[in-house]
C-alpha atoms as a PDB file:
ATOM      1  CA  MET A   1      -1.518  25.207  -5.009  1.00  0.00           C
ATOM      2  CA  SER A   2      -1.012  21.935  -6.877  1.00  0.00           C
ATOM      3  CA  LYS A   3      -3.834  19.580  -7.779  1.00  0.00           C
ATOM      4  CA  TYR A   4      -3.553  15.861  -7.048  1.00  0.00           C
ATOM      5  CA  LEU A   5      -5.695  12.887  -7.958  1.00  0.00           C
ATOM      6  CA  VAL A   6      -5.457  10.151  -5.321  1.00  0.00           C
ATOM      7  CA  THR A   7      -7.219   6.903  -6.154  1.00  0.00           C
ATOM      8  CA  GLY A   8      -8.120   4.426  -3.435  1.00  0.00           C
ATOM      9  CA  VAL A   9      -8.467   7.525  -1.279  1.00  0.00           C
ATOM     10  CA  ALA A  10     -10.586   5.806   1.392  1.00  0.00           C
ATOM     11  CA  GLY A  11      -8.011   3.039   1.781  1.00  0.00           C
ATOM     12  CA  PHE A  12      -5.339   2.731   4.446  1.00  0.00           C
ATOM     13  CA  ILE A  13      -2.447   4.194   2.469  1.00  0.00           C
ATOM     14  CA  GLY A  14      -4.441   6.405   0.112  1.00  0.00           C
ATOM     15  CA  SER A  15      -6.215   8.252   2.931  1.00  0.00           C
ATOM     16  CA  ASN A  16      -2.917   8.966   4.710  1.00  0.00           C
ATOM     17  CA  ILE A  17      -1.339  10.270   1.502  1.00  0.00           C
ATOM     18  CA  ALA A  18      -4.348  12.475   0.777  1.00  0.00           C
ATOM     19  CA  GLN A  19      -4.330  13.953   4.279  1.00  0.00           C
ATOM     20  CA  GLU A  20      -0.639  14.835   4.054  1.00  0.00           C
ATOM     21  CA  ILE A  21      -1.187  16.558   0.699  1.00  0.00           C
ATOM     22  CA  LEU A  22      -4.157  18.486   2.109  1.00  0.00           C
ATOM     23  CA  ASP A  23      -2.212  19.491   5.222  1.00  0.00           C
ATOM     24  CA  ASN A  24       0.421  20.953   2.910  1.00  0.00           C
ATOM     25  CA  GLY A  25      -2.215  23.260   1.400  1.00  0.00           C
ATOM     26  CA  ASN A  26      -2.726  21.479  -1.910  1.00  0.00           C
ATOM     27  CA  GLN A  27      -5.919  20.293  -3.579  1.00  0.00           C
ATOM     28  CA  VAL A  28      -6.954  16.629  -3.713  1.00  0.00           C
ATOM     29  CA  ILE A  29      -9.541  14.890  -5.847  1.00  0.00           C
ATOM     30  CA  GLY A  30     -10.198  11.481  -4.341  1.00  0.00           C
ATOM     31  CA  ILE A  31     -11.662   8.412  -6.029  1.00  0.00           C
ATOM     32  CA  ASP A  32     -12.717   5.191  -4.324  1.00  0.00           C
ATOM     33  CA  SER A  33     -15.064   2.398  -5.372  1.00  0.00           C
ATOM     34  CA  PHE A  34     -15.766   1.279  -1.782  1.00  0.00           C
ATOM     35  CA  ASN A  35     -15.197  -2.348  -2.743  1.00  0.00           C
ATOM     36  CA  LEU A  36     -16.469  -4.773  -0.080  1.00  0.00           C
ATOM     37  CA  THR A  37     -14.201  -7.726  -0.919  1.00  0.00           C
ATOM     38  CA  LEU A  38     -11.907  -7.505   2.111  1.00  0.00           C
ATOM     39  CA  TYR A  39     -13.827  -5.601   4.798  1.00  0.00           C
ATOM     40  CA  ASP A  40     -16.988  -3.575   5.371  1.00  0.00           C
ATOM     41  CA  ASN A  41     -17.256   0.086   4.521  1.00  0.00           C
ATOM     42  CA  ASN A  42     -17.378   1.474   8.066  1.00  0.00           C
ATOM     43  CA  THR A  43     -13.591   1.809   8.187  1.00  0.00           C
ATOM     44  CA  LYS A  44     -13.480   3.529   4.801  1.00  0.00           C
ATOM     45  CA  VAL A  45     -16.339   5.868   5.700  1.00  0.00           C
ATOM     46  CA  ALA A  46     -14.480   6.962   8.827  1.00  0.00           C
ATOM     47  CA  ARG A  47     -11.335   7.714   6.801  1.00  0.00           C
ATOM     48  CA  LEU A  48     -13.318   9.636   4.209  1.00  0.00           C
ATOM     49  CA  ASP A  49     -15.144  11.659   6.869  1.00  0.00           C
ATOM     50  CA  LYS A  50     -11.787  13.012   8.067  1.00  0.00           C
ATOM     51  CA  LEU A  51     -10.796  14.065   4.559  1.00  0.00           C
ATOM     52  CA  GLN A  52     -14.123  15.711   3.780  1.00  0.00           C
ATOM     53  CA  LYS A  53     -13.516  18.246   6.537  1.00  0.00           C
ATOM     54  CA  TYR A  54     -10.962  19.896   4.231  1.00  0.00           C
ATOM     55  CA  ASP A  55     -12.224  22.614   1.875  1.00  0.00           C
ATOM     56  CA  ASN A  56      -9.578  21.643  -0.697  1.00  0.00           C
ATOM     57  CA  PHE A  57     -10.840  18.039  -0.953  1.00  0.00           C
ATOM     58  CA  SER A  58     -13.437  16.654  -3.342  1.00  0.00           C
ATOM     59  CA  PHE A  59     -14.567  13.057  -3.706  1.00  0.00           C
ATOM     60  CA  LEU A  60     -16.024  10.837  -6.411  1.00  0.00           C
ATOM     61  CA  LYS A  61     -17.311   7.365  -5.633  1.00  0.00           C
ATOM     62  CA  GLY A  62     -16.876   4.911  -8.479  1.00  0.00           C
ATOM     63  CA  SER A  63     -14.649   2.518 -10.369  1.00  0.00           C
ATOM     64  CA  ILE A  64     -11.792   3.860 -12.475  1.00  0.00           C
ATOM     65  CA  LEU A  65     -13.078   1.600 -15.246  1.00  0.00           C
ATOM     66  CA  GLU A  66     -16.439   3.378 -15.312  1.00  0.00           C
ATOM     67  CA  ILE A  67     -15.875   7.080 -14.607  1.00  0.00           C
ATOM     68  CA  ASP A  68     -15.064   9.872 -17.073  1.00  0.00           C
ATOM     69  CA  LEU A  69     -11.327  10.283 -16.554  1.00  0.00           C
ATOM     70  CA  ASP A  70     -10.960  13.140 -19.033  1.00  0.00           C
ATOM     71  CA  LYS A  71     -13.262  15.216 -16.845  1.00  0.00           C
ATOM     72  CA  ILE A  72     -11.591  14.161 -13.592  1.00  0.00           C
ATOM     73  CA  LEU A  73      -8.033  14.755 -14.829  1.00  0.00           C
ATOM     74  CA  ASP A  74      -8.729  18.261 -16.146  1.00  0.00           C
ATOM     75  CA  GLY A  75      -6.261  20.563 -14.378  1.00  0.00           C
ATOM     76  CA  VAL A  76      -4.648  17.768 -12.352  1.00  0.00           C
ATOM     77  CA  ASP A  77      -0.865  17.968 -11.923  1.00  0.00           C
ATOM     78  CA  TYR A  78      -0.081  14.661 -10.206  1.00  0.00           C
ATOM     79  CA  VAL A  79      -1.735  11.229 -10.095  1.00  0.00           C
ATOM     80  CA  ILE A  80      -1.093   8.785  -7.257  1.00  0.00           C
ATOM     81  CA  ASN A  81      -2.697   5.416  -7.976  1.00  0.00           C
ATOM     82  CA  GLU A  82      -3.357   3.650  -4.677  1.00  0.00           C
ATOM     83  CA  ALA A  83      -6.528   1.960  -5.948  1.00  0.00           C
ATOM     84  CA  GLY A  84      -6.766  -1.794  -6.166  1.00  0.00           C
ATOM     85  CA  LEU A  85      -7.512  -4.994  -4.331  1.00  0.00           C
ATOM     86  CA  PRO A  86      -4.764  -6.110  -1.921  1.00  0.00           C
ATOM     87  CA  GLY A  87      -4.369  -9.460  -0.202  1.00  0.00           C
ATOM     88  CA  GLN A  88      -2.936 -12.695  -1.508  1.00  0.00           C
ATOM     89  CA  LEU A  89      -5.383 -15.202  -0.018  1.00  0.00           C
ATOM     90  CA  VAL A  90      -8.610 -13.781  -1.435  1.00  0.00           C
ATOM     91  CA  SER A  91      -7.037 -13.292  -4.858  1.00  0.00           C
ATOM     92  CA  TRP A  92      -7.201 -17.054  -5.459  1.00  0.00           C
ATOM     93  CA  GLU A  93     -10.983 -16.955  -5.105  1.00  0.00           C
ATOM     94  CA  LYS A  94     -11.650 -13.728  -7.013  1.00  0.00           C
ATOM     95  CA  THR A  95      -8.915 -13.619  -9.628  1.00  0.00           C
ATOM     96  CA  SER A  96     -10.950 -11.883 -12.331  1.00  0.00           C
ATOM     97  CA  GLU A  97     -11.984  -9.178  -9.874  1.00  0.00           C
ATOM     98  CA  TYR A  98      -8.330  -8.640  -8.972  1.00  0.00           C
ATOM     99  CA  PHE A  99      -7.367  -8.250 -12.622  1.00  0.00           C
ATOM    100  CA  GLU A 100     -10.078  -5.626 -13.101  1.00  0.00           C
ATOM    101  CA  ALA A 101      -9.088  -3.638 -10.009  1.00  0.00           C
ATOM    102  CA  ASN A 102      -5.303  -3.990 -10.169  1.00  0.00           C
ATOM    103  CA  THR A 103      -4.421  -4.340 -13.846  1.00  0.00           C
ATOM    104  CA  PHE A 104      -7.159  -3.042 -16.127  1.00  0.00           C
ATOM    105  CA  ALA A 105      -7.949  -0.004 -13.949  1.00  0.00           C
ATOM    106  CA  ALA A 106      -4.270   0.954 -13.664  1.00  0.00           C
ATOM    107  CA  HIS A 107      -3.869   0.598 -17.432  1.00  0.00           C
ATOM    108  CA  LYS A 108      -6.836   2.889 -18.124  1.00  0.00           C
ATOM    109  CA  LEU A 109      -5.759   5.473 -15.556  1.00  0.00           C
ATOM    110  CA  TYR A 110      -2.248   5.602 -16.962  1.00  0.00           C
ATOM    111  CA  GLU A 111      -3.413   5.912 -20.571  1.00  0.00           C
ATOM    112  CA  TYR A 112      -5.658   8.834 -19.675  1.00  0.00           C
ATOM    113  CA  SER A 113      -2.908  10.417 -17.587  1.00  0.00           C
ATOM    114  CA  ILE A 114      -0.633  10.428 -20.631  1.00  0.00           C
ATOM    115  CA  LYS A 115      -3.452  11.786 -22.790  1.00  0.00           C
ATOM    116  CA  ASN A 116      -4.081  14.639 -20.326  1.00  0.00           C
ATOM    117  CA  ASN A 117      -0.374  15.515 -19.924  1.00  0.00           C
ATOM    118  CA  ILE A 118      -0.184  14.715 -16.221  1.00  0.00           C
ATOM    119  CA  LYS A 119       3.203  15.803 -14.872  1.00  0.00           C
ATOM    120  CA  VAL A 120       3.864  12.758 -12.658  1.00  0.00           C
ATOM    121  CA  PHE A 121       2.179   9.370 -12.317  1.00  0.00           C
ATOM    122  CA  ILE A 122       2.897   7.247  -9.239  1.00  0.00           C
ATOM    123  CA  GLN A 123       1.882   3.583  -9.349  1.00  0.00           C
ATOM    124  CA  ALA A 124       1.661   1.802  -5.998  1.00  0.00           C
ATOM    125  CA  SER A 125       2.917  -1.767  -6.288  1.00  0.00           C
ATOM    126  CA  THR A 126       3.946  -4.476  -3.853  1.00  0.00           C
ATOM    127  CA  SER A 127       6.672  -6.831  -2.686  1.00  0.00           C
ATOM    128  CA  SER A 128       4.367  -9.642  -3.834  1.00  0.00           C
ATOM    129  CA  VAL A 129       5.625  -9.193  -7.404  1.00  0.00           C
ATOM    130  CA  TYR A 130       8.875 -10.880  -6.309  1.00  0.00           C
ATOM    131  CA  GLY A 131       7.223 -14.080  -5.144  1.00  0.00           C
ATOM    132  CA  ILE A 132       7.934 -16.371  -2.185  1.00  0.00           C
ATOM    133  CA  GLU A 133      11.320 -14.739  -1.539  1.00  0.00           C
ATOM    134  CA  ALA A 134      11.215 -10.935  -1.800  1.00  0.00           C
ATOM    135  CA  VAL A 135      14.783 -10.217  -0.815  1.00  0.00           C
ATOM    136  CA  GLY A 136      17.185  -7.761  -2.421  1.00  0.00           C
ATOM    137  CA  LEU A 137      17.192  -5.198  -5.202  1.00  0.00           C
ATOM    138  CA  GLU A 138      14.477  -4.162  -7.640  1.00  0.00           C
ATOM    139  CA  ASN A 139      16.135  -5.997 -10.549  1.00  0.00           C
ATOM    140  CA  GLN A 140      15.858  -9.460  -8.990  1.00  0.00           C
ATOM    141  CA  TYR A 141      13.924 -12.237 -10.713  1.00  0.00           C
ATOM    142  CA  LEU A 142      10.150 -11.712 -10.557  1.00  0.00           C
ATOM    143  CA  ARG A 143       7.971 -14.742  -9.963  1.00  0.00           C
ATOM    144  CA  PRO A 144       4.763 -13.782  -8.129  1.00  0.00           C
ATOM    145  CA  ALA A 145       3.204 -16.676  -6.221  1.00  0.00           C
ATOM    146  CA  SER A 146      -0.392 -15.447  -6.067  1.00  0.00           C
ATOM    147  CA  PRO A 147      -2.930 -13.905  -8.446  1.00  0.00           C
ATOM    148  CA  TYR A 148      -2.581 -10.678  -6.446  1.00  0.00           C
ATOM    149  CA  GLY A 149       1.132 -10.481  -7.246  1.00  0.00           C
ATOM    150  CA  VAL A 150       0.488 -11.416 -10.868  1.00  0.00           C
ATOM    151  CA  THR A 151      -2.074  -8.624 -11.309  1.00  0.00           C
ATOM    152  CA  LYS A 152       0.197  -6.017  -9.753  1.00  0.00           C
ATOM    153  CA  LEU A 153       3.147  -7.095 -11.893  1.00  0.00           C
ATOM    154  CA  ALA A 154       0.946  -7.001 -14.994  1.00  0.00           C
ATOM    155  CA  ALA A 155       0.044  -3.400 -14.131  1.00  0.00           C
ATOM    156  CA  GLU A 156       3.737  -2.539 -13.790  1.00  0.00           C
ATOM    157  CA  ASN A 157       4.511  -4.096 -17.169  1.00  0.00           C
ATOM    158  CA  LEU A 158       1.675  -2.313 -18.947  1.00  0.00           C
ATOM    159  CA  ILE A 159       2.690   1.032 -17.492  1.00  0.00           C
ATOM    160  CA  GLN A 160       6.330   0.521 -18.453  1.00  0.00           C
ATOM    161  CA  ALA A 161       5.311  -0.530 -21.980  1.00  0.00           C
ATOM    162  CA  LEU A 162       3.291   2.676 -22.417  1.00  0.00           C
ATOM    163  CA  SER A 163       5.679   5.052 -20.675  1.00  0.00           C
ATOM    164  CA  SER A 164       7.400   6.222 -23.871  1.00  0.00           C
ATOM    165  CA  ARG A 165       4.141   7.514 -25.359  1.00  0.00           C
ATOM    166  CA  GLY A 166       4.019  10.775 -23.423  1.00  0.00           C
ATOM    167  CA  SER A 167       5.908  13.254 -21.282  1.00  0.00           C
ATOM    168  CA  THR A 168       4.467  12.058 -17.958  1.00  0.00           C
ATOM    169  CA  LYS A 169       7.135  11.187 -15.406  1.00  0.00           C
ATOM    170  CA  THR A 170       6.351   7.666 -14.282  1.00  0.00           C
ATOM    171  CA  ILE A 171       7.439   5.969 -11.063  1.00  0.00           C
ATOM    172  CA  ILE A 172       6.538   2.579  -9.580  1.00  0.00           C
ATOM    173  CA  LEU A 173       6.838   2.040  -5.820  1.00  0.00           C
ATOM    174  CA  ARG A 174       6.925  -1.474  -4.364  1.00  0.00           C
ATOM    175  CA  TYR A 175       5.646  -1.262  -0.789  1.00  0.00           C
ATOM    176  CA  PHE A 176       6.664  -3.811   1.852  1.00  0.00           C
ATOM    177  CA  SER A 177       4.244  -4.843   4.672  1.00  0.00           C
ATOM    178  CA  VAL A 178       2.691  -1.509   5.602  1.00  0.00           C
ATOM    179  CA  TYR A 179       1.320  -1.097   9.132  1.00  0.00           C
ATOM    180  CA  GLY A 180       0.384   1.603  11.633  1.00  0.00           C
ATOM    181  CA  PRO A 181      -2.735   3.429  12.879  1.00  0.00           C
ATOM    182  CA  GLY A 182      -5.572   3.016  10.398  1.00  0.00           C
ATOM    183  CA  GLN A 183      -4.359  -0.365   9.150  1.00  0.00           C
ATOM    184  CA  ARG A 184      -6.827  -2.547   7.271  1.00  0.00           C
ATOM    185  CA  PRO A 185      -8.809  -4.958   9.497  1.00  0.00           C
ATOM    186  CA  ASP A 186      -7.746  -7.959   7.381  1.00  0.00           C
ATOM    187  CA  MET A 187      -4.015  -7.405   7.938  1.00  0.00           C
ATOM    188  CA  GLY A 188      -1.860  -9.446  10.319  1.00  0.00           C
ATOM    189  CA  ILE A 189      -0.853  -6.927  12.971  1.00  0.00           C
ATOM    190  CA  TYR A 190      -4.392  -5.563  13.208  1.00  0.00           C
ATOM    191  CA  ARG A 191      -5.816  -9.079  13.613  1.00  0.00           C
ATOM    192  CA  PHE A 192      -3.179  -9.998  16.208  1.00  0.00           C
ATOM    193  CA  ILE A 193      -4.052  -6.970  18.319  1.00  0.00           C
ATOM    194  CA  GLU A 194      -7.795  -7.561  18.052  1.00  0.00           C
ATOM    195  CA  SER A 195      -7.308 -11.159  19.199  1.00  0.00           C
ATOM    196  CA  ILE A 196      -5.356  -9.933  22.227  1.00  0.00           C
ATOM    197  CA  LYS A 197      -8.133  -7.442  23.035  1.00  0.00           C
ATOM    198  CA  GLU A 198     -10.648 -10.288  22.985  1.00  0.00           C
ATOM    199  CA  SER A 199      -8.366 -12.589  25.068  1.00  0.00           C
ATOM    200  CA  LYS A 200      -8.140 -15.013  22.156  1.00  0.00           C
ATOM    201  CA  SER A 201      -5.161 -16.906  20.768  1.00  0.00           C
ATOM    202  CA  ILE A 202      -3.356 -15.414  17.781  1.00  0.00           C
ATOM    203  CA  ASN A 203      -3.463 -17.426  14.572  1.00  0.00           C
ATOM    204  CA  ILE A 204      -0.128 -17.731  12.740  1.00  0.00           C
ATOM    205  CA  TYR A 205       0.340 -19.436   9.391  1.00  0.00           C
ATOM    206  CA  GLY A 206       3.096 -22.033   9.247  1.00  0.00           C
ATOM    207  CA  ASP A 207       5.812 -22.236  11.879  1.00  0.00           C
ATOM    208  CA  GLY A 208       6.013 -18.463  12.341  1.00  0.00           C
ATOM    209  CA  GLU A 209       9.628 -18.263  11.214  1.00  0.00           C
ATOM    210  CA  GLN A 210       8.712 -16.516   7.959  1.00  0.00           C
ATOM    211  CA  THR A 211      10.078 -12.974   8.009  1.00  0.00           C
ATOM    212  CA  ARG A 212       8.617  -9.607   7.066  1.00  0.00           C
ATOM    213  CA  ASP A 213      10.148  -6.211   6.355  1.00  0.00           C
ATOM    214  CA  PHE A 214       7.558  -3.979   8.025  1.00  0.00           C
ATOM    215  CA  THR A 215       7.105  -0.343   6.958  1.00  0.00           C
ATOM    216  CA  TYR A 216       5.319   2.306   9.002  1.00  0.00           C
ATOM    217  CA  VAL A 217       2.597   4.122   7.111  1.00  0.00           C
ATOM    218  CA  SER A 218       4.050   7.638   7.520  1.00  0.00           C
ATOM    219  CA  ASP A 219       7.323   6.438   5.977  1.00  0.00           C
ATOM    220  CA  ILE A 220       5.327   5.114   3.014  1.00  0.00           C
ATOM    221  CA  VAL A 221       3.593   8.487   2.692  1.00  0.00           C
ATOM    222  CA  ASN A 222       6.885  10.380   2.790  1.00  0.00           C
ATOM    223  CA  ALA A 223       8.522   8.143   0.187  1.00  0.00           C
ATOM    224  CA  THR A 224       5.516   8.412  -2.120  1.00  0.00           C
ATOM    225  CA  LEU A 225       5.379  12.202  -2.017  1.00  0.00           C
ATOM    226  CA  MET A 226       9.165  12.571  -2.275  1.00  0.00           C
ATOM    227  CA  ALA A 227       9.104  10.385  -5.388  1.00  0.00           C
ATOM    228  CA  ILE A 228       6.969  12.957  -7.191  1.00  0.00           C
ATOM    229  CA  PHE A 229       9.708  15.561  -7.087  1.00  0.00           C
ATOM    230  CA  SER A 230      12.916  13.603  -6.447  1.00  0.00           C
ATOM    231  CA  GLY A 231      12.298  10.249  -8.099  1.00  0.00           C
ATOM    232  CA  GLN A 232      13.723   9.528 -11.526  1.00  0.00           C
ATOM    233  CA  ASN A 233      11.544   8.880 -14.553  1.00  0.00           C
ATOM    234  CA  ASN A 234      10.735   5.253 -15.382  1.00  0.00           C
ATOM    235  CA  GLU A 235      12.266   3.937 -12.180  1.00  0.00           C
ATOM    236  CA  ILE A 236      11.016   1.280  -9.788  1.00  0.00           C
ATOM    237  CA  TYR A 237      11.770   1.694  -6.084  1.00  0.00           C
ATOM    238  CA  ASN A 238      11.473  -0.634  -3.112  1.00  0.00           C
ATOM    239  CA  VAL A 239       9.986   1.086  -0.060  1.00  0.00           C
ATOM    240  CA  SER A 240      10.509  -0.623   3.284  1.00  0.00           C
ATOM    241  CA  GLY A 241      11.212   0.045   6.926  1.00  0.00           C
ATOM    242  CA  GLY A 242      14.463  -1.904   6.861  1.00  0.00           C
ATOM    243  CA  GLU A 243      13.656  -3.996   9.948  1.00  0.00           C
ATOM    244  CA  THR A 244      13.117  -7.643   9.054  1.00  0.00           C
ATOM    245  CA  ILE A 245      11.595  -9.759  11.793  1.00  0.00           C
ATOM    246  CA  SER A 246      10.019 -13.194  12.042  1.00  0.00           C
ATOM    247  CA  VAL A 247       6.311 -13.416  12.756  1.00  0.00           C
ATOM    248  CA  ASN A 248       7.117 -15.263  15.984  1.00  0.00           C
ATOM    249  CA  ARG A 249       9.417 -12.467  17.106  1.00  0.00           C
ATOM    250  CA  LEU A 250       6.802  -9.877  16.122  1.00  0.00           C
ATOM    251  CA  VAL A 251       4.280 -11.513  18.446  1.00  0.00           C
ATOM    252  CA  GLU A 252       6.886 -11.617  21.222  1.00  0.00           C
ATOM    253  CA  LEU A 253       7.588  -7.905  20.737  1.00  0.00           C
ATOM    254  CA  ILE A 254       3.900  -7.044  20.983  1.00  0.00           C
ATOM    255  CA  GLY A 255       3.742  -9.088  24.185  1.00  0.00           C
ATOM    256  CA  GLN A 256       6.760  -7.266  25.614  1.00  0.00           C
ATOM    257  CA  ILE A 257       5.234  -3.861  24.882  1.00  0.00           C
ATOM    258  CA  LEU A 258       1.975  -4.920  26.562  1.00  0.00           C
ATOM    259  CA  HIS A 259       3.654  -6.980  29.337  1.00  0.00           C
ATOM    260  CA  VAL A 260       1.470  -9.992  28.541  1.00  0.00           C
ATOM    261  CA  ASN A 261       1.977 -13.574  27.436  1.00  0.00           C
ATOM    262  CA  ILE A 262       0.326 -14.245  24.103  1.00  0.00           C
ATOM    263  CA  LYS A 263      -1.145 -17.603  23.144  1.00  0.00           C
ATOM    264  CA  VAL A 264      -0.583 -18.735  19.578  1.00  0.00           C
ATOM    265  CA  ASN A 265      -2.286 -21.197  17.229  1.00  0.00           C
ATOM    266  CA  LYS A 266      -0.263 -22.477  14.279  1.00  0.00           C
ATOM    267  CA  LEU A 267      -2.231 -22.977  11.059  1.00  0.00           C
ATOM    268  CA  GLU A 268      -1.284 -24.486   7.721  1.00  0.00           C
ATOM    269  CA  ARG A 269       0.522 -22.033   5.446  1.00  0.00           C
ATOM    270  CA  PRO A 270      -1.697 -21.003   2.524  1.00  0.00           C
ATOM    271  CA  ILE A 271      -0.521 -21.283  -1.048  1.00  0.00           C
ATOM    272  CA  GLY A 272       1.426 -18.223  -2.154  1.00  0.00           C
ATOM    273  CA  ASP A 273       2.339 -17.087   1.374  1.00  0.00           C
ATOM    274  CA  GLN A 274       5.716 -15.366   1.267  1.00  0.00           C
ATOM    275  CA  LEU A 275       8.583 -16.914   3.216  1.00  0.00           C
ATOM    276  CA  ASN A 276      10.877 -13.907   3.525  1.00  0.00           C
ATOM    277  CA  THR A 277      10.709 -10.234   2.606  1.00  0.00           C
ATOM    278  CA  ARG A 278      13.709  -7.947   2.995  1.00  0.00           C
ATOM    279  CA  ALA A 279      14.050  -5.009   0.647  1.00  0.00           C
ATOM    280  CA  ASP A 280      17.227  -3.373  -0.537  1.00  0.00           C
ATOM    281  CA  THR A 281      16.247   0.315  -0.596  1.00  0.00           C
ATOM    282  CA  SER A 282      19.614   1.704  -1.639  1.00  0.00           C
ATOM    283  CA  LYS A 283      18.245   3.101  -4.910  1.00  0.00           C
ATOM    284  CA  LEU A 284      15.496   4.990  -3.091  1.00  0.00           C
ATOM    285  CA  ARG A 285      17.997   6.346  -0.571  1.00  0.00           C
ATOM    286  CA  ASN A 286      20.490   7.369  -3.256  1.00  0.00           C
ATOM    287  CA  HIS A 287      17.991   9.033  -5.573  1.00  0.00           C
ATOM    288  CA  MET A 288      15.873  10.785  -2.961  1.00  0.00           C
ATOM    289  CA  SER A 289      17.882  10.859   0.271  1.00  0.00           C
ATOM    290  CA  TRP A 290      14.956   9.029   1.870  1.00  0.00           C
ATOM    291  CA  SER A 291      15.176   6.919   4.986  1.00  0.00           C
ATOM    292  CA  PRO A 292      12.512   5.477   7.317  1.00  0.00           C
ATOM    293  CA  LYS A 293      11.884   7.480  10.485  1.00  0.00           C
ATOM    294  CA  ILE A 294       9.737   5.159  12.607  1.00  0.00           C
ATOM    295  CA  ASP A 295      11.267   1.983  14.001  1.00  0.00           C
ATOM    296  CA  LEU A 296       9.195  -1.129  14.560  1.00  0.00           C
ATOM    297  CA  GLU A 297       8.840  -0.858  18.344  1.00  0.00           C
ATOM    298  CA  LEU A 298       7.568   2.731  18.177  1.00  0.00           C
ATOM    299  CA  GLY A 299       5.329   1.872  15.236  1.00  0.00           C
ATOM    300  CA  LEU A 300       3.782  -1.050  17.101  1.00  0.00           C
ATOM    301  CA  PHE A 301       3.292   1.144  20.177  1.00  0.00           C
ATOM    302  CA  ASN A 302       1.433   3.690  18.040  1.00  0.00           C
ATOM    303  CA  GLN A 303      -0.795   1.035  16.486  1.00  0.00           C
ATOM    304  CA  LEU A 304      -1.498  -0.603  19.857  1.00  0.00           C
ATOM    305  CA  LYS A 305      -2.528   2.809  21.171  1.00  0.00           C
ATOM    306  CA  TRP A 306      -4.762   3.418  18.154  1.00  0.00           C
ATOM    307  CA  GLN A 307      -6.431   0.033  18.633  1.00  0.00           C
ATOM    308  CA  GLY A 308      -7.054   0.804  22.292  1.00  0.00           C
ATOM    309  CA  LEU A 309      -4.623  -1.481  24.112  1.00  0.00           C
ATOM    310  CA  ILE A 310      -2.392   1.306  25.437  1.00  0.00           C
END
């Protein structure tokens, strides 16, 4: 039995990763601060309740910046850092909070992981580090267009700068537009579906022709866990579903699945909103033989069912 530390364990991605590890018979220590910046704690409590049914799961509530990491990391084999504040819009209002959660906490966790001889450290990052156009390979020019992207890129840079100090295998994963059952209430697909449930119009920023490379949550989980054993040290990998679609077409597809016509309101695009995201995942495929398993139509069907519309 291996021992994992999963931070952000009550979050959308972190909870799914933790459950998969537990289902495989391994031990998980979970950390989450239950930050209220983006949504209330009811969703996180429900995720945590599922995990606490496992005998091989233990939980600590608190900030990475405040807890005793030496004690927590004792005996841990692998660290998966899913903690942090997501979301580009709110990051303009709470920039210092984003730096604490996304940059300073990651820096501390990585330093202590090196100190405690952790075998593998996985840092969850984002397509937002690329900026307005997140299209192509991992080595493209990085120009984040929001404080959120800046804080995540700063975490990447700090981790890479420190990576030579120990024997810990270090991997950074840049996730693209994750969706599926359990999605955060502040995210686009979730909000679209809730509006449909309430017979309200969907709000779309800009003209709706901006594109997204959506990735189903189980594909994110699989890539993250495969990276522990198959990923190469000090590498950065894009992780995406490989299906780029405009927001307008996404809404049409949801309508087709539900056999309804959806009303749309167009709102002004906020500063920092990405125009196009389309990842080249060839490095991930070549190094790990990974490929996404859930296509967008099936993924949307699953999320619509989870949100009670099917």
